[in-house]
Amino acid sequence: MSTAFLVTALVIVATPGPGSLYTIAAGLARGTRAALLAAFASTLGILPHLLAAITGLAAVLHASGVAFQTIKYLGVAYLLWMAWSTWRDTGALRIEDAPTAGSRRAVIVSGITINLLNPKLTLFFFAFLPQFVSAPGRSATVQMLLLSGVFMAMTFVVFAGYGAVAGLLRDRVLSRPRLVDRIRKTFAVSFAALGGRLAVESR
């Protein structure tokens, strides 16, 4: 496994996006355990994209404008809903002192969905992974699976790190209501901006 792949993957994973943003929000609102759960769920959300890239489904998505647009606008709608619910204090940054089973399920569902409904991830991995595959034939599939596993592990570790830091800062943040309100609105605007960016992206 090349150093170039590890460095490139780390840069990609560490760059703020919907999954990392949601993990941080979960840490601030619900604590470190919820942040780790959000990191795990967000990592699961990229698994279908990696599998699509490996099996060639990404090529179908790239060729079909209707399929791409459908998934894209579902993703846009979900991010805008996240923005609206966060702004109204009913979403990702709704403060919970004692998370319930229902709230944990909500974290899992949101974490998976927020990355699942992003068709750009499929096309990204379709273009990204093959660059680091040197073996032909069946060995190439095995190598892509290995690279995918490493990428997912890095995603979880980085997201979990973001979430853990947010969890550690939680008490300090919650002690300042005005700061909480500003952070909540900032996250809401960030989700909306991510939705807007996805809306204007093309294949």
C-alpha atoms as a PDB file:
ATOM      1  CA  MET A   1       0.000   0.000   0.000  1.00  0.00           C
ATOM      2  CA  SER A   2       1.542   3.249  -1.145  1.00  0.00           C
ATOM      3  CA  THR A   3       2.296   6.266   0.997  1.00  0.00           C
ATOM      4  CA  ALA A   4       0.579   8.375  -1.662  1.00  0.00           C
ATOM      5  CA  PHE A   5      -2.712   6.554  -1.044  1.00  0.00           C
ATOM      6  CA  LEU A   6      -2.473   6.953   2.737  1.00  0.00           C
ATOM      7  CA  VAL A   7      -1.649  10.653   2.537  1.00  0.00           C
ATOM      8  CA  THR A   8      -4.327  11.357  -0.076  1.00  0.00           C
ATOM      9  CA  ALA A   9      -6.937   9.377   1.841  1.00  0.00           C
ATOM     10  CA  LEU A  10      -6.093  11.194   5.077  1.00  0.00           C
ATOM     11  CA  VAL A  11      -6.463  14.589   3.417  1.00  0.00           C
ATOM     12  CA  ILE A  12      -9.816  13.566   1.941  1.00  0.00           C
ATOM     13  CA  VAL A  13     -11.116  12.162   5.222  1.00  0.00           C
ATOM     14  CA  ALA A  14      -9.926  15.119   7.296  1.00  0.00           C
ATOM     15  CA  THR A  15     -11.542  17.679   4.982  1.00  0.00           C
ATOM     16  CA  PRO A  16     -14.810  18.849   6.608  1.00  0.00           C
ATOM     17  CA  GLY A  17     -17.941  17.425   5.014  1.00  0.00           C
ATOM     18  CA  PRO A  18     -21.482  16.359   5.967  1.00  0.00           C
ATOM     19  CA  GLY A  19     -20.356  13.260   7.898  1.00  0.00           C
ATOM     20  CA  SER A  20     -17.692  14.958   9.994  1.00  0.00           C
ATOM     21  CA  LEU A  21     -19.972  17.942  10.609  1.00  0.00           C
ATOM     22  CA  TYR A  22     -22.732  15.665  11.848  1.00  0.00           C
ATOM     23  CA  THR A  23     -20.319  13.762  14.109  1.00  0.00           C
ATOM     24  CA  ILE A  24     -19.132  16.994  15.723  1.00  0.00           C
ATOM     25  CA  ALA A  25     -22.733  18.106  16.210  1.00  0.00           C
ATOM     26  CA  ALA A  26     -23.568  14.789  17.888  1.00  0.00           C
ATOM     27  CA  GLY A  27     -20.608  15.191  20.237  1.00  0.00           C
ATOM     28  CA  LEU A  28     -21.617  18.692  21.278  1.00  0.00           C
ATOM     29  CA  ALA A  29     -25.289  17.849  21.723  1.00  0.00           C
ATOM     30  CA  ARG A  30     -25.219  14.336  23.127  1.00  0.00           C
ATOM     31  CA  GLY A  31     -21.683  13.584  24.302  1.00  0.00           C
ATOM     32  CA  THR A  32     -18.751  11.413  23.290  1.00  0.00           C
ATOM     33  CA  ARG A  33     -20.660   8.124  23.039  1.00  0.00           C
ATOM     34  CA  ALA A  34     -23.131   9.632  20.606  1.00  0.00           C
ATOM     35  CA  ALA A  35     -20.241  11.123  18.624  1.00  0.00           C
ATOM     36  CA  LEU A  36     -18.583   7.714  18.301  1.00  0.00           C
ATOM     37  CA  LEU A  37     -21.910   6.249  17.204  1.00  0.00           C
ATOM     38  CA  ALA A  38     -22.293   9.027  14.631  1.00  0.00           C
ATOM     39  CA  ALA A  39     -18.749   8.401  13.371  1.00  0.00           C
ATOM     40  CA  PHE A  40     -19.508   4.699  12.964  1.00  0.00           C
ATOM     41  CA  ALA A  41     -22.812   5.410  11.202  1.00  0.00           C
ATOM     42  CA  SER A  42     -21.215   7.955   8.859  1.00  0.00           C
ATOM     43  CA  THR A  43     -18.534   5.409   8.004  1.00  0.00           C
ATOM     44  CA  LEU A  44     -21.206   2.817   7.214  1.00  0.00           C
ATOM     45  CA  GLY A  45     -22.836   5.399   4.957  1.00  0.00           C
ATOM     46  CA  ILE A  46     -19.847   5.397   2.602  1.00  0.00           C
ATOM     47  CA  LEU A  47     -19.751   1.583   2.337  1.00  0.00           C
ATOM     48  CA  PRO A  48     -22.351   1.388  -0.492  1.00  0.00           C
ATOM     49  CA  HIS A  49     -20.353   3.947  -2.480  1.00  0.00           C
ATOM     50  CA  LEU A  50     -17.162   1.955  -2.110  1.00  0.00           C
ATOM     51  CA  LEU A  51     -18.944  -1.260  -3.112  1.00  0.00           C
ATOM     52  CA  ALA A  52     -20.498   0.511  -6.098  1.00  0.00           C
ATOM     53  CA  ALA A  53     -17.064   1.657  -7.225  1.00  0.00           C
ATOM     54  CA  ILE A  54     -15.643  -1.847  -6.864  1.00  0.00           C
ATOM     55  CA  THR A  55     -18.496  -3.611  -8.676  1.00  0.00           C
ATOM     56  CA  GLY A  56     -18.788  -1.051 -11.465  1.00  0.00           C
ATOM     57  CA  LEU A  57     -22.174   0.356 -10.451  1.00  0.00           C
ATOM     58  CA  ALA A  58     -20.543   3.772 -10.415  1.00  0.00           C
ATOM     59  CA  ALA A  59     -20.195   3.546 -14.186  1.00  0.00           C
ATOM     60  CA  VAL A  60     -23.947   2.989 -14.455  1.00  0.00           C
ATOM     61  CA  LEU A  61     -24.612   5.964 -12.191  1.00  0.00           C
ATOM     62  CA  HIS A  62     -22.262   8.088 -14.248  1.00  0.00           C
ATOM     63  CA  ALA A  63     -23.950   7.053 -17.492  1.00  0.00           C
ATOM     64  CA  SER A  64     -27.495   7.558 -16.231  1.00  0.00           C
ATOM     65  CA  GLY A  65     -28.287  11.225 -15.753  1.00  0.00           C
ATOM     66  CA  VAL A  66     -31.697  10.427 -14.258  1.00  0.00           C
ATOM     67  CA  ALA A  67     -30.243   8.099 -11.594  1.00  0.00           C
ATOM     68  CA  PHE A  68     -27.562  10.592 -10.661  1.00  0.00           C
ATOM     69  CA  GLN A  69     -29.971  13.530 -10.447  1.00  0.00           C
ATOM     70  CA  THR A  70     -32.482  11.526  -8.407  1.00  0.00           C
ATOM     71  CA  ILE A  71     -29.954  10.534  -5.758  1.00  0.00           C
ATOM     72  CA  LYS A  72     -28.388  13.984  -5.808  1.00  0.00           C
ATOM     73  CA  TYR A  73     -31.617  15.826  -5.107  1.00  0.00           C
ATOM     74  CA  LEU A  74     -32.596  13.355  -2.405  1.00  0.00           C
ATOM     75  CA  GLY A  75     -29.267  14.198  -0.790  1.00  0.00           C
ATOM     76  CA  VAL A  76     -29.883  17.923  -1.207  1.00  0.00           C
ATOM     77  CA  ALA A  77     -33.341  17.606   0.348  1.00  0.00           C
ATOM     78  CA  TYR A  78     -31.957  15.667   3.297  1.00  0.00           C
ATOM     79  CA  LEU A  79     -29.196  18.215   3.968  1.00  0.00           C
ATOM     80  CA  LEU A  80     -31.709  21.064   3.799  1.00  0.00           C
ATOM     81  CA  TRP A  81     -33.951  19.190   6.216  1.00  0.00           C
ATOM     82  CA  MET A  82     -30.941  18.781   8.532  1.00  0.00           C
ATOM     83  CA  ALA A  83     -30.330  22.531   8.256  1.00  0.00           C
ATOM     84  CA  TRP A  84     -33.952  23.390   9.039  1.00  0.00           C
ATOM     85  CA  SER A  85     -34.264  21.007  11.978  1.00  0.00           C
ATOM     86  CA  THR A  86     -30.937  22.175  13.426  1.00  0.00           C
ATOM     87  CA  TRP A  87     -31.982  25.825  13.138  1.00  0.00           C
ATOM     88  CA  ARG A  88     -35.252  25.013  14.939  1.00  0.00           C
ATOM     89  CA  ASP A  89     -33.314  23.166  17.672  1.00  0.00           C
ATOM     90  CA  THR A  90     -34.936  19.813  16.873  1.00  0.00           C
ATOM     91  CA  GLY A  91     -32.121  18.234  14.864  1.00  0.00           C
ATOM     92  CA  ALA A  92     -28.448  17.369  15.166  1.00  0.00           C
ATOM     93  CA  LEU A  93     -27.719  19.918  17.895  1.00  0.00           C
ATOM     94  CA  ARG A  94     -30.734  19.243  20.102  1.00  0.00           C
ATOM     95  CA  ILE A  95     -29.258  18.982  23.591  1.00  0.00           C
ATOM     96  CA  GLU A  96     -29.829  15.706  25.448  1.00  0.00           C
ATOM     97  CA  ASP A  97     -28.509  14.973  28.940  1.00  0.00           C
ATOM     98  CA  ALA A  98     -29.557  11.310  28.854  1.00  0.00           C
ATOM     99  CA  PRO A  99     -29.821   9.929  25.297  1.00  0.00           C
ATOM    100  CA  THR A 100     -32.583   7.370  24.827  1.00  0.00           C
ATOM    101  CA  ALA A 101     -32.707   4.295  22.606  1.00  0.00           C
ATOM    102  CA  GLY A 102     -34.767   6.343  20.165  1.00  0.00           C
ATOM    103  CA  SER A 103     -32.206   9.127  19.997  1.00  0.00           C
ATOM    104  CA  ARG A 104     -29.407   6.612  19.461  1.00  0.00           C
ATOM    105  CA  ARG A 105     -31.350   5.116  16.559  1.00  0.00           C
ATOM    106  CA  ALA A 106     -31.822   8.619  15.166  1.00  0.00           C
ATOM    107  CA  VAL A 107     -28.065   9.219  15.318  1.00  0.00           C
ATOM    108  CA  ILE A 108     -27.407   5.974  13.439  1.00  0.00           C
ATOM    109  CA  VAL A 109     -30.037   6.643  10.776  1.00  0.00           C
ATOM    110  CA  SER A 110     -28.919  10.237  10.230  1.00  0.00           C
ATOM    111  CA  GLY A 111     -25.241   9.309  10.133  1.00  0.00           C
ATOM    112  CA  ILE A 112     -25.797   6.635   7.490  1.00  0.00           C
ATOM    113  CA  THR A 113     -28.258   8.661   5.421  1.00  0.00           C
ATOM    114  CA  ILE A 114     -26.184  11.816   5.280  1.00  0.00           C
ATOM    115  CA  ASN A 115     -23.395  10.018   3.395  1.00  0.00           C
ATOM    116  CA  LEU A 116     -25.569   7.471   1.615  1.00  0.00           C
ATOM    117  CA  LEU A 117     -27.494  10.142  -0.326  1.00  0.00           C
ATOM    118  CA  ASN A 118     -24.443  11.679  -1.943  1.00  0.00           C
ATOM    119  CA  PRO A 119     -23.857  10.298  -5.462  1.00  0.00           C
ATOM    120  CA  LYS A 120     -20.607  12.252  -5.769  1.00  0.00           C
ATOM    121  CA  LEU A 121     -19.050   9.811  -3.296  1.00  0.00           C
ATOM    122  CA  THR A 122     -19.694   6.894  -5.639  1.00  0.00           C
ATOM    123  CA  LEU A 123     -18.170   8.683  -8.609  1.00  0.00           C
ATOM    124  CA  PHE A 124     -15.297   9.921  -6.459  1.00  0.00           C
ATOM    125  CA  PHE A 125     -14.324   6.420  -5.362  1.00  0.00           C
ATOM    126  CA  PHE A 126     -14.825   5.172  -8.918  1.00  0.00           C
ATOM    127  CA  ALA A 127     -12.110   7.605 -10.019  1.00  0.00           C
ATOM    128  CA  PHE A 128     -10.014   7.525  -6.833  1.00  0.00           C
ATOM    129  CA  LEU A 129      -9.432   3.874  -5.952  1.00  0.00           C
ATOM    130  CA  PRO A 130      -8.233   2.542  -9.350  1.00  0.00           C
ATOM    131  CA  GLN A 131      -5.321   4.991  -9.316  1.00  0.00           C
ATOM    132  CA  PHE A 132      -3.695   2.965  -6.543  1.00  0.00           C
ATOM    133  CA  VAL A 133      -4.390  -0.508  -7.930  1.00  0.00           C
ATOM    134  CA  SER A 134      -1.404  -2.159  -9.571  1.00  0.00           C
ATOM    135  CA  ALA A 135      -2.566  -5.784  -9.858  1.00  0.00           C
ATOM    136  CA  PRO A 136      -4.684  -6.958 -12.829  1.00  0.00           C
ATOM    137  CA  GLY A 137      -7.755  -9.208 -12.911  1.00  0.00           C
ATOM    138  CA  ARG A 138      -9.160 -10.705  -9.721  1.00  0.00           C
ATOM    139  CA  SER A 139      -6.211  -9.430  -7.717  1.00  0.00           C
ATOM    140  CA  ALA A 140      -7.297  -5.904  -8.584  1.00  0.00           C
ATOM    141  CA  THR A 141     -10.646  -6.497  -6.859  1.00  0.00           C
ATOM    142  CA  VAL A 142      -8.904  -7.823  -3.770  1.00  0.00           C
ATOM    143  CA  GLN A 143      -6.621  -4.812  -3.729  1.00  0.00           C
ATOM    144  CA  MET A 144      -9.544  -2.416  -4.089  1.00  0.00           C
ATOM    145  CA  LEU A 145     -11.299  -4.142  -1.190  1.00  0.00           C
ATOM    146  CA  LEU A 146      -8.170  -3.722   0.917  1.00  0.00           C
ATOM    147  CA  LEU A 147      -7.868  -0.045  -0.009  1.00  0.00           C
ATOM    148  CA  SER A 148     -11.550   0.446   0.744  1.00  0.00           C
ATOM    149  CA  GLY A 149     -11.152  -1.142   4.171  1.00  0.00           C
ATOM    150  CA  VAL A 150      -8.234   1.122   4.987  1.00  0.00           C
ATOM    151  CA  PHE A 151     -10.158   4.177   3.810  1.00  0.00           C
ATOM    152  CA  MET A 152     -13.153   3.283   5.982  1.00  0.00           C
ATOM    153  CA  ALA A 153     -10.927   2.682   9.003  1.00  0.00           C
ATOM    154  CA  MET A 154      -9.292   6.065   8.518  1.00  0.00           C
ATOM    155  CA  THR A 155     -12.719   7.679   8.145  1.00  0.00           C
ATOM    156  CA  PHE A 156     -13.910   6.236  11.445  1.00  0.00           C
ATOM    157  CA  VAL A 157     -10.739   7.164  13.339  1.00  0.00           C
ATOM    158  CA  VAL A 158     -10.715  10.763  12.080  1.00  0.00           C
ATOM    159  CA  PHE A 159     -14.463  11.287  12.575  1.00  0.00           C
ATOM    160  CA  ALA A 160     -14.259   9.708  16.033  1.00  0.00           C
ATOM    161  CA  GLY A 161     -11.417  12.087  16.869  1.00  0.00           C
ATOM    162  CA  TYR A 162     -13.492  15.071  15.803  1.00  0.00           C
ATOM    163  CA  GLY A 163     -16.444  13.802  17.812  1.00  0.00           C
ATOM    164  CA  ALA A 164     -14.379  13.009  20.912  1.00  0.00           C
ATOM    165  CA  VAL A 165     -12.958  16.540  20.984  1.00  0.00           C
ATOM    166  CA  ALA A 166     -16.472  17.932  20.607  1.00  0.00           C
ATOM    167  CA  GLY A 167     -17.622  15.696  23.453  1.00  0.00           C
ATOM    168  CA  LEU A 168     -14.819  16.923  25.714  1.00  0.00           C
ATOM    169  CA  LEU A 169     -15.769  20.541  25.015  1.00  0.00           C
ATOM    170  CA  ARG A 170     -19.476  19.852  25.507  1.00  0.00           C
ATOM    171  CA  ASP A 171     -19.796  21.020  29.129  1.00  0.00           C
ATOM    172  CA  ARG A 172     -17.908  24.240  28.460  1.00  0.00           C
ATOM    173  CA  VAL A 173     -20.073  24.978  25.451  1.00  0.00           C
ATOM    174  CA  LEU A 174     -23.368  24.170  27.155  1.00  0.00           C
ATOM    175  CA  SER A 175     -22.552  26.504  30.028  1.00  0.00           C
ATOM    176  CA  ARG A 176     -22.789  29.413  27.570  1.00  0.00           C
ATOM    177  CA  PRO A 177     -26.331  29.511  26.083  1.00  0.00           C
ATOM    178  CA  ARG A 178     -25.535  32.313  23.633  1.00  0.00           C
ATOM    179  CA  LEU A 179     -22.582  30.350  22.287  1.00  0.00           C
ATOM    180  CA  VAL A 180     -24.787  27.267  21.904  1.00  0.00           C
ATOM    181  CA  ASP A 181     -27.278  29.301  19.893  1.00  0.00           C
ATOM    182  CA  ARG A 182     -24.540  30.669  17.633  1.00  0.00           C
ATOM    183  CA  ILE A 183     -23.031  27.223  17.088  1.00  0.00           C
ATOM    184  CA  ARG A 184     -26.437  25.753  16.328  1.00  0.00           C
ATOM    185  CA  LYS A 185     -27.139  28.408  13.705  1.00  0.00           C
ATOM    186  CA  THR A 186     -23.648  28.005  12.245  1.00  0.00           C
ATOM    187  CA  PHE A 187     -24.191  24.277  11.852  1.00  0.00           C
ATOM    188  CA  ALA A 188     -27.597  24.890  10.277  1.00  0.00           C
ATOM    189  CA  VAL A 189     -26.085  27.274   7.735  1.00  0.00           C
ATOM    190  CA  SER A 190     -23.256  24.806   7.080  1.00  0.00           C
ATOM    191  CA  PHE A 191     -25.704  21.974   6.325  1.00  0.00           C
ATOM    192  CA  ALA A 192     -27.611  24.303   3.990  1.00  0.00           C
ATOM    193  CA  ALA A 193     -24.382  25.346   2.267  1.00  0.00           C
ATOM    194  CA  LEU A 194     -23.383  21.694   1.766  1.00  0.00           C
ATOM    195  CA  GLY A 195     -26.817  21.031   0.282  1.00  0.00           C
ATOM    196  CA  GLY A 196     -26.439  24.002  -2.039  1.00  0.00           C
ATOM    197  CA  ARG A 197     -23.008  22.852  -3.144  1.00  0.00           C
ATOM    198  CA  LEU A 198     -24.310  19.378  -3.901  1.00  0.00           C
ATOM    199  CA  ALA A 199     -27.238  20.846  -5.849  1.00  0.00           C
ATOM    200  CA  VAL A 200     -24.986  22.659  -8.324  1.00  0.00           C
ATOM    201  CA  GLU A 201     -22.519  19.824  -8.814  1.00  0.00           C
ATOM    202  CA  SER A 202     -22.667  17.785 -11.986  1.00  0.00           C
ATOM    203  CA  ARG A 203     -21.248  14.453 -13.005  1.00  0.00           C
END
